[in-house]
Amino acid sequence: MSELKAEIWVQALLRRAQSGGAMGMVVARGDRDAGAVWVKVMRLDGSCETFVPARNFEGERIWTRPNGIVPEAQADAHIRRAMDRDPDLWVVEIEDRHGRHFLTEPVEEG
């Protein structure tokens, strides 16, 4: 089964966030078709979480939280390093006081 193009997937995520009462925006546009997408959830208190896509042992898409809840500057530094390595990376920011990510795939707890 083929996956959605990155741009379409991002648009769907933004719609879910908006429908849930959160604000979402694209802060970096990657490759329209196959760019990886990172999601940064800003909690509006100076802290945030970054969600990074991965594959589980069955090959299904999941999300990981490489840093947990951290100050925004720390998350931004991590994202900048990733963008230096991958110019096709998309970055979506969601502002939600409750820390909701609006992802539909499983998120690895940890």
C-alpha atoms as a PDB file:
ATOM      1  CA  MET A   1       0.000   0.000   0.000  1.00  0.00           C
ATOM      2  CA  SER A   2       1.441   3.346  -0.976  1.00  0.00           C
ATOM      3  CA  GLU A   3       1.504   6.251   1.436  1.00  0.00           C
ATOM      4  CA  LEU A   4      -0.031   9.663   0.976  1.00  0.00           C
ATOM      5  CA  LYS A   5       2.121  12.360  -0.521  1.00  0.00           C
ATOM      6  CA  ALA A   6       3.733  14.469   2.191  1.00  0.00           C
ATOM      7  CA  GLU A   7       1.921  17.659   1.227  1.00  0.00           C
ATOM      8  CA  ILE A   8      -1.514  15.995   1.384  1.00  0.00           C
ATOM      9  CA  TRP A   9      -0.684  14.346   4.712  1.00  0.00           C
ATOM     10  CA  VAL A  10       0.387  17.720   6.162  1.00  0.00           C
ATOM     11  CA  GLN A  11      -2.828  19.376   4.982  1.00  0.00           C
ATOM     12  CA  ALA A  12      -4.882  16.641   6.685  1.00  0.00           C
ATOM     13  CA  LEU A  13      -2.952  17.073   9.950  1.00  0.00           C
ATOM     14  CA  LEU A  14      -3.523  20.826   9.888  1.00  0.00           C
ATOM     15  CA  ARG A  15      -7.248  20.304   9.312  1.00  0.00           C
ATOM     16  CA  ARG A  16      -7.464  17.882  12.255  1.00  0.00           C
ATOM     17  CA  ALA A  17      -5.703  20.395  14.496  1.00  0.00           C
ATOM     18  CA  GLN A  18      -7.945  23.229  13.367  1.00  0.00           C
ATOM     19  CA  SER A  19     -11.066  21.094  13.844  1.00  0.00           C
ATOM     20  CA  GLY A  20      -9.880  20.361  17.383  1.00  0.00           C
ATOM     21  CA  GLY A  21      -9.514  24.044  18.209  1.00  0.00           C
ATOM     22  CA  ALA A  22      -5.724  24.220  17.893  1.00  0.00           C
ATOM     23  CA  MET A  23      -3.566  26.364  15.615  1.00  0.00           C
ATOM     24  CA  GLY A  24      -1.282  24.644  13.130  1.00  0.00           C
ATOM     25  CA  MET A  25       1.187  25.927  10.559  1.00  0.00           C
ATOM     26  CA  VAL A  26       3.908  24.732   8.220  1.00  0.00           C
ATOM     27  CA  VAL A  27       7.229  26.274   9.240  1.00  0.00           C
ATOM     28  CA  ALA A  28       9.378  24.355   6.739  1.00  0.00           C
ATOM     29  CA  ARG A  29       8.275  22.839   3.440  1.00  0.00           C
ATOM     30  CA  GLY A  30      10.033  19.738   2.279  1.00  0.00           C
ATOM     31  CA  ASP A  31       9.625  17.585  -0.792  1.00  0.00           C
ATOM     32  CA  ARG A  32       5.940  17.673  -1.820  1.00  0.00           C
ATOM     33  CA  ASP A  33       5.798  13.967  -2.507  1.00  0.00           C
ATOM     34  CA  ALA A  34       8.146  12.116  -0.208  1.00  0.00           C
ATOM     35  CA  GLY A  35       9.605  14.502   2.363  1.00  0.00           C
ATOM     36  CA  ALA A  36       9.660  13.364   5.974  1.00  0.00           C
ATOM     37  CA  VAL A  37       7.406  15.317   8.340  1.00  0.00           C
ATOM     38  CA  TRP A  38       8.284  16.275  11.897  1.00  0.00           C
ATOM     39  CA  VAL A  39       5.608  17.660  14.200  1.00  0.00           C
ATOM     40  CA  LYS A  40       6.396  20.162  16.940  1.00  0.00           C
ATOM     41  CA  VAL A  41       3.652  20.642  19.525  1.00  0.00           C
ATOM     42  CA  MET A  42       3.921  23.914  21.399  1.00  0.00           C
ATOM     43  CA  ARG A  43       2.099  23.894  24.745  1.00  0.00           C
ATOM     44  CA  LEU A  44       1.946  27.714  25.017  1.00  0.00           C
ATOM     45  CA  ASP A  45       3.902  27.703  28.281  1.00  0.00           C
ATOM     46  CA  GLY A  46       7.403  27.741  26.744  1.00  0.00           C
ATOM     47  CA  SER A  47       7.616  23.955  26.482  1.00  0.00           C
ATOM     48  CA  CYS A  48       7.045  21.690  23.532  1.00  0.00           C
ATOM     49  CA  GLU A  49       7.391  18.167  22.190  1.00  0.00           C
ATOM     50  CA  THR A  50       8.753  16.972  18.870  1.00  0.00           C
ATOM     51  CA  PHE A  51       7.269  13.935  17.130  1.00  0.00           C
ATOM     52  CA  VAL A  52       9.423  12.112  14.579  1.00  0.00           C
ATOM     53  CA  PRO A  53       8.214   9.369  12.212  1.00  0.00           C
ATOM     54  CA  ALA A  54       9.648   5.866  12.423  1.00  0.00           C
ATOM     55  CA  ARG A  55       8.711   2.285  11.504  1.00  0.00           C
ATOM     56  CA  ASN A  56       7.934  -0.467  13.968  1.00  0.00           C
ATOM     57  CA  PHE A  57       9.027  -4.101  13.543  1.00  0.00           C
ATOM     58  CA  GLU A  58       5.983  -4.807  11.343  1.00  0.00           C
ATOM     59  CA  GLY A  59       6.898  -1.920   9.026  1.00  0.00           C
ATOM     60  CA  GLU A  60       4.005   0.258  10.158  1.00  0.00           C
ATOM     61  CA  ARG A  61       4.433   3.986  10.584  1.00  0.00           C
ATOM     62  CA  ILE A  62       4.643   5.135  14.192  1.00  0.00           C
ATOM     63  CA  TRP A  63       5.789   8.324  15.895  1.00  0.00           C
ATOM     64  CA  THR A  64       8.532   8.719  18.477  1.00  0.00           C
ATOM     65  CA  ARG A  65       9.255  11.500  20.947  1.00  0.00           C
ATOM     66  CA  PRO A  66      13.050  11.761  20.885  1.00  0.00           C
ATOM     67  CA  ASN A  67      13.298  14.476  23.545  1.00  0.00           C
ATOM     68  CA  GLY A  68      10.074  14.370  25.557  1.00  0.00           C
ATOM     69  CA  ILE A  69       8.767  17.707  26.803  1.00  0.00           C
ATOM     70  CA  VAL A  70      11.555  20.279  26.564  1.00  0.00           C
ATOM     71  CA  PRO A  71      12.030  24.049  26.327  1.00  0.00           C
ATOM     72  CA  GLU A  72      11.221  25.361  22.867  1.00  0.00           C
ATOM     73  CA  ALA A  73      14.830  26.428  22.200  1.00  0.00           C
ATOM     74  CA  GLN A  74      16.048  22.865  22.729  1.00  0.00           C
ATOM     75  CA  ALA A  75      13.437  21.472  20.335  1.00  0.00           C
ATOM     76  CA  ASP A  76      14.292  24.136  17.748  1.00  0.00           C
ATOM     77  CA  ALA A  77      17.988  23.237  17.916  1.00  0.00           C
ATOM     78  CA  HIS A  78      17.162  19.557  17.348  1.00  0.00           C
ATOM     79  CA  ILE A  79      14.949  20.459  14.373  1.00  0.00           C
ATOM     80  CA  ARG A  80      17.633  22.737  12.858  1.00  0.00           C
ATOM     81  CA  ARG A  81      20.205  19.925  13.006  1.00  0.00           C
ATOM     82  CA  ALA A  82      17.746  17.574  11.291  1.00  0.00           C
ATOM     83  CA  MET A  83      17.028  20.149   8.580  1.00  0.00           C
ATOM     84  CA  ASP A  84      20.768  20.563   7.959  1.00  0.00           C
ATOM     85  CA  ARG A  85      20.936  16.806   7.258  1.00  0.00           C
ATOM     86  CA  ASP A  86      17.674  16.596   5.295  1.00  0.00           C
ATOM     87  CA  PRO A  87      16.651  19.569   3.136  1.00  0.00           C
ATOM     88  CA  ASP A  88      13.419  17.747   2.176  1.00  0.00           C
ATOM     89  CA  LEU A  89      12.151  17.769   5.776  1.00  0.00           C
ATOM     90  CA  TRP A  90       8.750  19.258   6.553  1.00  0.00           C
ATOM     91  CA  VAL A  91       8.193  20.837   9.967  1.00  0.00           C
ATOM     92  CA  VAL A  92       4.656  21.400  11.221  1.00  0.00           C
ATOM     93  CA  GLU A  93       4.023  23.383  14.403  1.00  0.00           C
ATOM     94  CA  ILE A  94       0.840  22.873  16.358  1.00  0.00           C
ATOM     95  CA  GLU A  95      -0.029  25.260  19.170  1.00  0.00           C
ATOM     96  CA  ASP A  96      -2.205  23.541  21.730  1.00  0.00           C
ATOM     97  CA  ARG A  97      -2.364  24.328  25.442  1.00  0.00           C
ATOM     98  CA  HIS A  98      -3.284  20.690  26.144  1.00  0.00           C
ATOM     99  CA  GLY A  99      -0.319  19.273  24.179  1.00  0.00           C
ATOM    100  CA  ARG A 100      -2.447  17.367  21.658  1.00  0.00           C
ATOM    101  CA  HIS A 101      -0.559  16.223  18.559  1.00  0.00           C
ATOM    102  CA  PHE A 102      -3.523  15.212  16.333  1.00  0.00           C
ATOM    103  CA  LEU A 103      -1.545  12.302  14.866  1.00  0.00           C
ATOM    104  CA  THR A 104      -3.604   9.287  13.859  1.00  0.00           C
ATOM    105  CA  GLU A 105      -0.775   6.732  13.801  1.00  0.00           C
ATOM    106  CA  PRO A 106       0.472   5.173  17.058  1.00  0.00           C
ATOM    107  CA  VAL A 107       2.824   7.260  19.204  1.00  0.00           C
ATOM    108  CA  GLU A 108       5.551   5.353  21.014  1.00  0.00           C
ATOM    109  CA  GLU A 109       5.409   6.057  24.701  1.00  0.00           C
ATOM    110  CA  GLY A 110       8.728   6.454  26.318  1.00  0.00           C
END
